[in-house]
Amino acid sequence: MGRRDFDFDRRVAVMAVVNRTPDSFSDRGATFALDRAVEASLRAAELGADWVDIGGVPFGRGPAVSPAEEIDRVVPVVNAIAAASDVVISVDTNRAEVARAAIDAGAAVINDTSGLGDPDMAGVVATSDAHIVITHSVGPPRVEKPPAHFDDVVREVRAFLVERVERAKAAGIPRGRLIIDPGHDLDKNTLHSLELTRRLDEIADIGLPLLVAVSNKDFVGESTDREQGARLAGSLAAMVCCIERGARIVRMHDVESTVDAVRMTEAVLGLRAPARLEHNTHPTHNV
């Protein structure tokens, strides 16, 4: 993937979030300026992120952003990161023309929160070497929607992902370049996101690398009664639950804390050896 190799049987990849938007639900525009976005991306790589996810338009409702403006937001960041680091770069977009520009600039992954809602998206990815994240959501982003309703959220999300995977393959994208994401909180309420987390193994059974984006989400805030800025502990707890149930890519905001939590979880699950072995390994420690 890009300039890095991943063994998802043995490792969990950490994806950092960098929003080049003035209205992100999480950082409220902290990395909207180009230099701040590039700086945050490179700092995330230094802290241990395996890749950075660049977004130019939030998923939630808000003012319209043209494709040209979205390209102007994300492509300069991709260019700058690609020139300075081998970290994997993904771009969070649901538009095929933005995906094409991002891939040309050096993005190795398209993170499509619409799950191939743009009929041209699969074709754009198929003609490149890029991977694509197929995410479950309901209807187009950026618009008001009715209250979320599912008869069985896990069954319906799984069926959606399986169908979109087949659509991607039919368009020419090899299965080895597909990643799936159940879309926590995307057109779902807190009970839906908790049920997805609880039964995430049923999504992992699809057999593709599974990404989860739980950081700072409202289901964490509503479960713990914490506002934005105070959800780190809850986000990490949700992330660990997801890793135990098969997630192998985690999209998180606080990279340093996430890397430590991921490494500890990998060690407990037997995926990774401890960084060092000293405690009670020398005769003097047993006295």
C-alpha atoms as a PDB file:
ATOM      1  CA  MET A   1       0.000   0.000   0.000  1.00  0.00           C
ATOM      2  CA  GLY A   2       1.822   3.077  -1.213  1.00  0.00           C
ATOM      3  CA  ARG A   3       5.433   2.750  -0.090  1.00  0.00           C
ATOM      4  CA  ARG A   4       4.731   0.552   2.940  1.00  0.00           C
ATOM      5  CA  ASP A   5       3.871  -3.113   3.467  1.00  0.00           C
ATOM      6  CA  PHE A   6       1.209  -4.321   5.901  1.00  0.00           C
ATOM      7  CA  ASP A   7       0.530  -7.735   7.388  1.00  0.00           C
ATOM      8  CA  PHE A   8      -2.958  -7.384   8.836  1.00  0.00           C
ATOM      9  CA  ASP A   9      -2.743 -10.882  10.307  1.00  0.00           C
ATOM     10  CA  ARG A  10      -0.016  -9.637  12.647  1.00  0.00           C
ATOM     11  CA  ARG A  11      -0.370  -5.855  12.927  1.00  0.00           C
ATOM     12  CA  VAL A  12      -2.896  -3.080  13.406  1.00  0.00           C
ATOM     13  CA  ALA A  13      -2.349   0.039  11.300  1.00  0.00           C
ATOM     14  CA  VAL A  14      -2.893   3.478  12.808  1.00  0.00           C
ATOM     15  CA  MET A  15      -4.506   6.066  10.520  1.00  0.00           C
ATOM     16  CA  ALA A  16      -4.192   9.678  11.658  1.00  0.00           C
ATOM     17  CA  VAL A  17      -6.902  12.213  10.834  1.00  0.00           C
ATOM     18  CA  VAL A  18      -6.006  15.566   9.280  1.00  0.00           C
ATOM     19  CA  ASN A  19      -8.959  17.743   8.271  1.00  0.00           C
ATOM     20  CA  ARG A  20      -8.312  20.600   5.899  1.00  0.00           C
ATOM     21  CA  THR A  21     -11.745  22.003   6.612  1.00  0.00           C
ATOM     22  CA  PRO A  22     -12.958  25.063   8.534  1.00  0.00           C
ATOM     23  CA  ASP A  23     -15.928  23.167  10.009  1.00  0.00           C
ATOM     24  CA  SER A  24     -14.659  19.761  11.143  1.00  0.00           C
ATOM     25  CA  PHE A  25     -16.749  18.355  14.003  1.00  0.00           C
ATOM     26  CA  SER A  26     -13.566  17.405  15.864  1.00  0.00           C
ATOM     27  CA  ASP A  27     -10.906  20.104  15.478  1.00  0.00           C
ATOM     28  CA  ARG A  28     -13.020  23.076  14.376  1.00  0.00           C
ATOM     29  CA  GLY A  29     -10.587  24.109  11.656  1.00  0.00           C
ATOM     30  CA  ALA A  30      -7.313  23.725  13.564  1.00  0.00           C
ATOM     31  CA  THR A  31      -5.554  22.290  10.488  1.00  0.00           C
ATOM     32  CA  PHE A  32      -7.412  24.213   7.788  1.00  0.00           C
ATOM     33  CA  ALA A  33      -4.331  26.267   6.868  1.00  0.00           C
ATOM     34  CA  LEU A  34      -2.095  24.411   4.412  1.00  0.00           C
ATOM     35  CA  ASP A  35       1.055  24.654   6.529  1.00  0.00           C
ATOM     36  CA  ARG A  36      -0.809  23.447   9.622  1.00  0.00           C
ATOM     37  CA  ALA A  37      -2.252  20.481   7.724  1.00  0.00           C
ATOM     38  CA  VAL A  38       1.144  19.439   6.376  1.00  0.00           C
ATOM     39  CA  GLU A  39       2.806  19.941   9.756  1.00  0.00           C
ATOM     40  CA  ALA A  40       0.146  17.860  11.514  1.00  0.00           C
ATOM     41  CA  SER A  41       0.485  15.080   8.941  1.00  0.00           C
ATOM     42  CA  LEU A  42       4.258  14.828   9.236  1.00  0.00           C
ATOM     43  CA  ARG A  43       4.082  15.036  13.021  1.00  0.00           C
ATOM     44  CA  ALA A  44       1.591  12.157  13.048  1.00  0.00           C
ATOM     45  CA  ALA A  45       4.058  10.063  11.031  1.00  0.00           C
ATOM     46  CA  GLU A  46       6.827  10.892  13.498  1.00  0.00           C
ATOM     47  CA  LEU A  47       4.592   9.748  16.364  1.00  0.00           C
ATOM     48  CA  GLY A  48       4.039   6.369  14.734  1.00  0.00           C
ATOM     49  CA  ALA A  49       1.048   6.734  12.423  1.00  0.00           C
ATOM     50  CA  ASP A  50       1.211   4.317   9.503  1.00  0.00           C
ATOM     51  CA  TRP A  51      -0.818   6.628   7.313  1.00  0.00           C
ATOM     52  CA  VAL A  52      -2.634   9.940   7.339  1.00  0.00           C
ATOM     53  CA  ASP A  53      -6.169  10.534   6.093  1.00  0.00           C
ATOM     54  CA  ILE A  54      -6.688  13.955   4.506  1.00  0.00           C
ATOM     55  CA  GLY A  55     -10.220  15.311   4.367  1.00  0.00           C
ATOM     56  CA  GLY A  56     -11.447  18.386   2.521  1.00  0.00           C
ATOM     57  CA  VAL A  57     -15.183  18.144   3.252  1.00  0.00           C
ATOM     58  CA  PRO A  58     -16.835  16.870   6.468  1.00  0.00           C
ATOM     59  CA  PHE A  59     -19.423  14.097   6.156  1.00  0.00           C
ATOM     60  CA  GLY A  60     -22.093  15.923   8.136  1.00  0.00           C
ATOM     61  CA  ARG A  61     -24.448  18.566   6.849  1.00  0.00           C
ATOM     62  CA  GLY A  62     -23.042  21.988   6.083  1.00  0.00           C
ATOM     63  CA  PRO A  63     -22.365  24.483   3.310  1.00  0.00           C
ATOM     64  CA  ALA A  64     -21.727  23.137  -0.157  1.00  0.00           C
ATOM     65  CA  VAL A  65     -18.108  22.684  -1.264  1.00  0.00           C
ATOM     66  CA  SER A  66     -17.462  22.390  -4.992  1.00  0.00           C
ATOM     67  CA  PRO A  67     -15.247  19.623  -6.365  1.00  0.00           C
ATOM     68  CA  ALA A  68     -12.725  22.252  -7.459  1.00  0.00           C
ATOM     69  CA  GLU A  69     -12.543  23.690  -3.949  1.00  0.00           C
ATOM     70  CA  GLU A  70     -12.201  20.218  -2.435  1.00  0.00           C
ATOM     71  CA  ILE A  71      -9.318  19.476  -4.826  1.00  0.00           C
ATOM     72  CA  ASP A  72      -7.669  22.768  -3.887  1.00  0.00           C
ATOM     73  CA  ARG A  73      -7.879  21.790  -0.230  1.00  0.00           C
ATOM     74  CA  VAL A  74      -6.522  18.246  -0.392  1.00  0.00           C
ATOM     75  CA  VAL A  75      -4.110  18.012  -3.333  1.00  0.00           C
ATOM     76  CA  PRO A  76      -1.478  20.475  -2.011  1.00  0.00           C
ATOM     77  CA  VAL A  77      -1.401  18.555   1.272  1.00  0.00           C
ATOM     78  CA  VAL A  78      -0.965  15.242  -0.534  1.00  0.00           C
ATOM     79  CA  ASN A  79       1.834  16.679  -2.673  1.00  0.00           C
ATOM     80  CA  ALA A  80       3.705  18.025   0.340  1.00  0.00           C
ATOM     81  CA  ILE A  81       3.415  14.836   2.402  1.00  0.00           C
ATOM     82  CA  ALA A  82       4.425  12.598  -0.499  1.00  0.00           C
ATOM     83  CA  ALA A  83       7.551  14.689  -1.022  1.00  0.00           C
ATOM     84  CA  ALA A  84       8.592  14.514   2.633  1.00  0.00           C
ATOM     85  CA  SER A  85       7.552  11.074   3.962  1.00  0.00           C
ATOM     86  CA  ASP A  86       6.837   7.482   2.987  1.00  0.00           C
ATOM     87  CA  VAL A  87       3.717   7.447   5.200  1.00  0.00           C
ATOM     88  CA  VAL A  88       0.648   6.107   3.432  1.00  0.00           C
ATOM     89  CA  ILE A  89      -1.665   8.912   2.312  1.00  0.00           C
ATOM     90  CA  SER A  90      -5.406   8.483   2.010  1.00  0.00           C
ATOM     91  CA  VAL A  91      -7.931  11.079   0.953  1.00  0.00           C
ATOM     92  CA  ASP A  92     -11.417  11.119   2.457  1.00  0.00           C
ATOM     93  CA  THR A  93     -13.716  11.892  -0.475  1.00  0.00           C
ATOM     94  CA  ASN A  94     -16.865  10.580  -2.131  1.00  0.00           C
ATOM     95  CA  ARG A  95     -16.217  12.290  -5.485  1.00  0.00           C
ATOM     96  CA  ALA A  96     -14.530  10.488  -8.356  1.00  0.00           C
ATOM     97  CA  GLU A  97     -12.917  13.617  -9.792  1.00  0.00           C
ATOM     98  CA  VAL A  98     -11.381  14.474  -6.426  1.00  0.00           C
ATOM     99  CA  ALA A  99     -10.167  10.895  -6.071  1.00  0.00           C
ATOM    100  CA  ARG A 100      -8.494  11.060  -9.484  1.00  0.00           C
ATOM    101  CA  ALA A 101      -6.664  14.289  -8.602  1.00  0.00           C
ATOM    102  CA  ALA A 102      -5.615  12.926  -5.220  1.00  0.00           C
ATOM    103  CA  ILE A 103      -4.243   9.700  -6.693  1.00  0.00           C
ATOM    104  CA  ASP A 104      -2.303  11.683  -9.303  1.00  0.00           C
ATOM    105  CA  ALA A 105      -0.793  13.726  -6.459  1.00  0.00           C
ATOM    106  CA  GLY A 106       0.365  10.645  -4.543  1.00  0.00           C
ATOM    107  CA  ALA A 107      -2.566   9.329  -2.504  1.00  0.00           C
ATOM    108  CA  ALA A 108      -2.407   5.543  -2.110  1.00  0.00           C
ATOM    109  CA  VAL A 109      -5.903   5.105  -0.661  1.00  0.00           C
ATOM    110  CA  ILE A 110      -9.305   6.650  -1.321  1.00  0.00           C
ATOM    111  CA  ASN A 111     -11.474   6.654   1.801  1.00  0.00           C
ATOM    112  CA  ASP A 112     -14.994   6.768   0.369  1.00  0.00           C
ATOM    113  CA  THR A 113     -17.560   7.353   3.111  1.00  0.00           C
ATOM    114  CA  SER A 114     -20.379   7.027   0.562  1.00  0.00           C
ATOM    115  CA  GLY A 115     -19.471   3.433  -0.312  1.00  0.00           C
ATOM    116  CA  LEU A 116     -19.180   4.022  -4.076  1.00  0.00           C
ATOM    117  CA  GLY A 117     -22.068   6.463  -4.150  1.00  0.00           C
ATOM    118  CA  ASP A 118     -20.449   8.205  -7.123  1.00  0.00           C
ATOM    119  CA  PRO A 119     -20.968   5.832 -10.071  1.00  0.00           C
ATOM    120  CA  ASP A 120     -17.571   6.825 -11.489  1.00  0.00           C
ATOM    121  CA  MET A 121     -15.580   6.174  -8.313  1.00  0.00           C
ATOM    122  CA  ALA A 122     -14.896   2.463  -8.845  1.00  0.00           C
ATOM    123  CA  GLY A 123     -13.673   3.084 -12.382  1.00  0.00           C
ATOM    124  CA  VAL A 124     -11.260   5.790 -11.265  1.00  0.00           C
ATOM    125  CA  VAL A 125      -9.747   3.533  -8.610  1.00  0.00           C
ATOM    126  CA  ALA A 126      -9.680   0.525 -10.941  1.00  0.00           C
ATOM    127  CA  THR A 127      -7.465   2.368 -13.443  1.00  0.00           C
ATOM    128  CA  SER A 128      -4.937   3.230 -10.711  1.00  0.00           C
ATOM    129  CA  ASP A 129      -2.868   1.326  -8.153  1.00  0.00           C
ATOM    130  CA  ALA A 130      -4.805   2.820  -5.252  1.00  0.00           C
ATOM    131  CA  HIS A 131      -6.707   0.980  -2.546  1.00  0.00           C
ATOM    132  CA  ILE A 132     -10.233   2.032  -1.620  1.00  0.00           C
ATOM    133  CA  VAL A 133     -12.084   2.027   1.690  1.00  0.00           C
ATOM    134  CA  ILE A 134     -15.741   1.139   1.115  1.00  0.00           C
ATOM    135  CA  THR A 135     -17.782   2.592   3.971  1.00  0.00           C
ATOM    136  CA  HIS A 136     -21.396   2.023   4.888  1.00  0.00           C
ATOM    137  CA  SER A 137     -23.607   5.098   4.975  1.00  0.00           C
ATOM    138  CA  VAL A 138     -27.157   5.853   3.883  1.00  0.00           C
ATOM    139  CA  GLY A 139     -27.658   8.343   1.090  1.00  0.00           C
ATOM    140  CA  PRO A 140     -25.420  11.257   0.144  1.00  0.00           C
ATOM    141  CA  PRO A 141     -23.231  13.107   2.656  1.00  0.00           C
ATOM    142  CA  ARG A 142     -23.808  16.762   3.610  1.00  0.00           C
ATOM    143  CA  VAL A 143     -27.622  16.610   3.609  1.00  0.00           C
ATOM    144  CA  GLU A 144     -30.295  16.402   6.299  1.00  0.00           C
ATOM    145  CA  LYS A 145     -31.649  12.874   6.693  1.00  0.00           C
ATOM    146  CA  PRO A 146     -34.508  11.263   8.627  1.00  0.00           C
ATOM    147  CA  PRO A 147     -33.852   9.561  11.977  1.00  0.00           C
ATOM    148  CA  ALA A 148     -31.758   6.427  11.616  1.00  0.00           C
ATOM    149  CA  HIS A 149     -33.655   3.152  11.412  1.00  0.00           C
ATOM    150  CA  PHE A 150     -32.474  -0.432  10.922  1.00  0.00           C
ATOM    151  CA  ASP A 151     -34.264  -3.699  11.622  1.00  0.00           C
ATOM    152  CA  ASP A 152     -30.854  -5.331  12.225  1.00  0.00           C
ATOM    153  CA  VAL A 153     -28.046  -2.829  11.770  1.00  0.00           C
ATOM    154  CA  VAL A 154     -25.250  -5.406  11.595  1.00  0.00           C
ATOM    155  CA  ARG A 155     -27.027  -7.601   9.076  1.00  0.00           C
ATOM    156  CA  GLU A 156     -27.933  -4.615   6.892  1.00  0.00           C
ATOM    157  CA  VAL A 157     -24.482  -3.031   7.056  1.00  0.00           C
ATOM    158  CA  ARG A 158     -22.881  -6.362   6.213  1.00  0.00           C
ATOM    159  CA  ALA A 159     -25.168  -6.886   3.219  1.00  0.00           C
ATOM    160  CA  PHE A 160     -24.418  -3.375   1.955  1.00  0.00           C
ATOM    161  CA  LEU A 161     -20.658  -3.907   2.212  1.00  0.00           C
ATOM    162  CA  VAL A 162     -20.781  -7.299   0.495  1.00  0.00           C
ATOM    163  CA  GLU A 163     -22.810  -5.824  -2.389  1.00  0.00           C
ATOM    164  CA  ARG A 164     -20.464  -2.837  -2.795  1.00  0.00           C
ATOM    165  CA  VAL A 165     -17.412  -5.102  -2.700  1.00  0.00           C
ATOM    166  CA  GLU A 166     -18.886  -7.091  -5.574  1.00  0.00           C
ATOM    167  CA  ARG A 167     -19.596  -3.861  -7.429  1.00  0.00           C
ATOM    168  CA  ALA A 168     -15.986  -2.747  -6.961  1.00  0.00           C
ATOM    169  CA  LYS A 169     -14.644  -6.080  -8.191  1.00  0.00           C
ATOM    170  CA  ALA A 170     -16.930  -5.999 -11.226  1.00  0.00           C
ATOM    171  CA  ALA A 171     -15.499  -2.579 -12.079  1.00  0.00           C
ATOM    172  CA  GLY A 172     -11.994  -4.037 -12.089  1.00  0.00           C
ATOM    173  CA  ILE A 173     -10.647  -3.302  -8.617  1.00  0.00           C
ATOM    174  CA  PRO A 174      -8.760  -6.378  -7.343  1.00  0.00           C
ATOM    175  CA  ARG A 175     -10.022  -7.768  -4.038  1.00  0.00           C
ATOM    176  CA  GLY A 176      -6.545  -7.182  -2.611  1.00  0.00           C
ATOM    177  CA  ARG A 177      -7.063  -3.428  -2.911  1.00  0.00           C
ATOM    178  CA  LEU A 178     -10.378  -3.332  -1.025  1.00  0.00           C
ATOM    179  CA  ILE A 179     -10.895  -2.267   2.597  1.00  0.00           C
ATOM    180  CA  ILE A 180     -14.241  -2.126   4.418  1.00  0.00           C
ATOM    181  CA  ASP A 181     -15.579   0.192   7.135  1.00  0.00           C
ATOM    182  CA  PRO A 182     -18.967  -0.267   8.884  1.00  0.00           C
ATOM    183  CA  GLY A 183     -19.294   3.511   9.288  1.00  0.00           C
ATOM    184  CA  HIS A 184     -19.770   4.080  12.996  1.00  0.00           C
ATOM    185  CA  ASP A 185     -22.185   7.016  13.540  1.00  0.00           C
ATOM    186  CA  LEU A 186     -22.633   7.613   9.799  1.00  0.00           C
ATOM    187  CA  ASP A 187     -26.432   7.779   9.492  1.00  0.00           C
ATOM    188  CA  LYS A 188     -26.646   5.650  12.641  1.00  0.00           C
ATOM    189  CA  ASN A 189     -27.598   6.466  16.222  1.00  0.00           C
ATOM    190  CA  THR A 190     -25.620   5.523  19.318  1.00  0.00           C
ATOM    191  CA  LEU A 191     -27.409   2.211  19.843  1.00  0.00           C
ATOM    192  CA  HIS A 192     -26.629   1.232  16.251  1.00  0.00           C
ATOM    193  CA  SER A 193     -22.930   2.082  16.631  1.00  0.00           C
ATOM    194  CA  LEU A 194     -22.714   0.171  19.910  1.00  0.00           C
ATOM    195  CA  GLU A 195     -24.347  -2.864  18.296  1.00  0.00           C
ATOM    196  CA  LEU A 196     -21.900  -2.666  15.385  1.00  0.00           C
ATOM    197  CA  THR A 197     -19.014  -2.603  17.850  1.00  0.00           C
ATOM    198  CA  ARG A 198     -20.439  -5.490  19.878  1.00  0.00           C
ATOM    199  CA  ARG A 199     -20.927  -7.673  16.783  1.00  0.00           C
ATOM    200  CA  LEU A 200     -18.038  -6.380  14.678  1.00  0.00           C
ATOM    201  CA  ASP A 201     -16.759  -9.917  14.140  1.00  0.00           C
ATOM    202  CA  GLU A 202     -19.726 -10.441  11.802  1.00  0.00           C
ATOM    203  CA  ILE A 203     -18.376  -7.632   9.605  1.00  0.00           C
ATOM    204  CA  ALA A 204     -14.796  -8.900   9.891  1.00  0.00           C
ATOM    205  CA  ASP A 205     -16.017 -12.263   8.566  1.00  0.00           C
ATOM    206  CA  ILE A 206     -16.338 -10.681   5.134  1.00  0.00           C
ATOM    207  CA  GLY A 207     -12.608 -11.376   4.979  1.00  0.00           C
ATOM    208  CA  LEU A 208     -11.209  -7.996   3.940  1.00  0.00           C
ATOM    209  CA  PRO A 209      -9.064  -5.585   5.968  1.00  0.00           C
ATOM    210  CA  LEU A 210     -11.460  -3.878   8.344  1.00  0.00           C
ATOM    211  CA  LEU A 211     -11.143  -0.194   9.214  1.00  0.00           C
ATOM    212  CA  VAL A 212     -12.988   1.466  12.080  1.00  0.00           C
ATOM    213  CA  ALA A 213     -13.368   5.193  12.697  1.00  0.00           C
ATOM    214  CA  VAL A 214     -14.536   5.584  16.291  1.00  0.00           C
ATOM    215  CA  SER A 215     -12.436   8.517  17.475  1.00  0.00           C
ATOM    216  CA  ASN A 216     -14.414  11.342  19.112  1.00  0.00           C
ATOM    217  CA  LYS A 217     -17.655  10.028  17.647  1.00  0.00           C
ATOM    218  CA  ASP A 218     -20.987  10.970  19.165  1.00  0.00           C
ATOM    219  CA  PHE A 219     -21.715   7.380  20.204  1.00  0.00           C
ATOM    220  CA  VAL A 220     -18.652   7.635  22.452  1.00  0.00           C
ATOM    221  CA  GLY A 221     -19.780  10.992  23.822  1.00  0.00           C
ATOM    222  CA  GLU A 222     -23.334   9.837  24.456  1.00  0.00           C
ATOM    223  CA  SER A 223     -22.182   6.577  26.045  1.00  0.00           C
ATOM    224  CA  THR A 224     -19.795   8.346  28.445  1.00  0.00           C
ATOM    225  CA  ASP A 225     -21.630  11.699  28.737  1.00  0.00           C
ATOM    226  CA  ARG A 226     -18.556  13.525  27.467  1.00  0.00           C
ATOM    227  CA  GLU A 227     -18.411  16.476  25.102  1.00  0.00           C
ATOM    228  CA  GLN A 228     -15.910  16.959  22.292  1.00  0.00           C
ATOM    229  CA  GLY A 229     -12.389  17.284  23.675  1.00  0.00           C
ATOM    230  CA  ALA A 230     -13.059  14.857  26.550  1.00  0.00           C
ATOM    231  CA  ARG A 231     -13.651  11.603  24.653  1.00  0.00           C
ATOM    232  CA  LEU A 232     -10.140  10.170  24.356  1.00  0.00           C
ATOM    233  CA  ALA A 233     -10.531   7.434  26.980  1.00  0.00           C
ATOM    234  CA  GLY A 234     -13.873   6.345  25.575  1.00  0.00           C
ATOM    235  CA  SER A 235     -12.528   6.412  22.023  1.00  0.00           C
ATOM    236  CA  LEU A 236      -9.573   4.224  22.975  1.00  0.00           C
ATOM    237  CA  ALA A 237     -11.851   1.765  24.785  1.00  0.00           C
ATOM    238  CA  ALA A 238     -14.110   1.496  21.731  1.00  0.00           C
ATOM    239  CA  MET A 239     -11.057   1.067  19.503  1.00  0.00           C
ATOM    240  CA  VAL A 240      -9.678  -1.793  21.608  1.00  0.00           C
ATOM    241  CA  CYS A 241     -13.068  -3.549  21.524  1.00  0.00           C
ATOM    242  CA  CYS A 242     -12.994  -3.262  17.734  1.00  0.00           C
ATOM    243  CA  ILE A 243      -9.448  -4.635  17.449  1.00  0.00           C
ATOM    244  CA  GLU A 244     -10.415  -7.628  19.594  1.00  0.00           C
ATOM    245  CA  ARG A 245     -13.251  -8.301  17.154  1.00  0.00           C
ATOM    246  CA  GLY A 246     -11.151  -8.081  14.000  1.00  0.00           C
ATOM    247  CA  ALA A 247     -10.449  -4.443  13.114  1.00  0.00           C
ATOM    248  CA  ARG A 248      -6.953  -4.017  11.715  1.00  0.00           C
ATOM    249  CA  ILE A 249      -6.965  -0.331  10.726  1.00  0.00           C
ATOM    250  CA  VAL A 250      -7.990   2.345  13.242  1.00  0.00           C
ATOM    251  CA  ARG A 251      -8.720   5.943  12.244  1.00  0.00           C
ATOM    252  CA  MET A 252      -7.945   8.084  15.280  1.00  0.00           C
ATOM    253  CA  HIS A 253      -7.181  11.689  16.198  1.00  0.00           C
ATOM    254  CA  ASP A 254      -4.728  11.367  19.123  1.00  0.00           C
ATOM    255  CA  VAL A 255      -1.873   9.476  17.474  1.00  0.00           C
ATOM    256  CA  GLU A 256       0.500   9.121  20.413  1.00  0.00           C
ATOM    257  CA  SER A 257      -2.098   7.632  22.782  1.00  0.00           C
ATOM    258  CA  THR A 258      -3.514   5.471  19.998  1.00  0.00           C
ATOM    259  CA  VAL A 259      -0.142   3.977  19.080  1.00  0.00           C
ATOM    260  CA  ASP A 260       0.498   2.979  22.702  1.00  0.00           C
ATOM    261  CA  ALA A 261      -2.983   1.470  23.076  1.00  0.00           C
ATOM    262  CA  VAL A 262      -2.657  -0.415  19.780  1.00  0.00           C
ATOM    263  CA  ARG A 263       0.786  -1.803  20.654  1.00  0.00           C
ATOM    264  CA  MET A 264      -0.481  -2.977  24.054  1.00  0.00           C
ATOM    265  CA  THR A 265      -3.533  -4.605  22.485  1.00  0.00           C
ATOM    266  CA  GLU A 266      -1.370  -6.337  19.874  1.00  0.00           C
ATOM    267  CA  ALA A 267       0.880  -7.674  22.654  1.00  0.00           C
ATOM    268  CA  VAL A 268      -2.062  -8.994  24.681  1.00  0.00           C
ATOM    269  CA  LEU A 269      -3.541 -10.686  21.594  1.00  0.00           C
ATOM    270  CA  GLY A 270      -0.185 -12.250  20.750  1.00  0.00           C
ATOM    271  CA  LEU A 271       0.151 -10.350  17.489  1.00  0.00           C
ATOM    272  CA  ARG A 272       3.313  -8.522  18.525  1.00  0.00           C
ATOM    273  CA  ALA A 273       6.141  -9.352  20.926  1.00  0.00           C
ATOM    274  CA  PRO A 274       6.806  -6.866  23.752  1.00  0.00           C
ATOM    275  CA  ALA A 275       9.252  -4.098  22.869  1.00  0.00           C
ATOM    276  CA  ARG A 276      11.561  -5.434  25.594  1.00  0.00           C
ATOM    277  CA  LEU A 277      11.699  -8.158  28.267  1.00  0.00           C
ATOM    278  CA  GLU A 278      13.305  -7.191  31.579  1.00  0.00           C
ATOM    279  CA  HIS A 279      10.855  -7.654  34.445  1.00  0.00           C
ATOM    280  CA  ASN A 280      11.622 -10.828  36.446  1.00  0.00           C
ATOM    281  CA  THR A 281      14.027 -12.097  33.821  1.00  0.00           C
ATOM    282  CA  HIS A 282      17.237 -11.672  35.885  1.00  0.00           C
ATOM    283  CA  PRO A 283      18.154 -13.545  39.081  1.00  0.00           C
ATOM    284  CA  THR A 284      18.408 -10.311  41.101  1.00  0.00           C
ATOM    285  CA  HIS A 285      14.779  -9.506  40.302  1.00  0.00           C
ATOM    286  CA  ASN A 286      13.636 -12.651  42.089  1.00  0.00           C
ATOM    287  CA  VAL A 287      15.293 -11.901  45.411  1.00  0.00           C
END
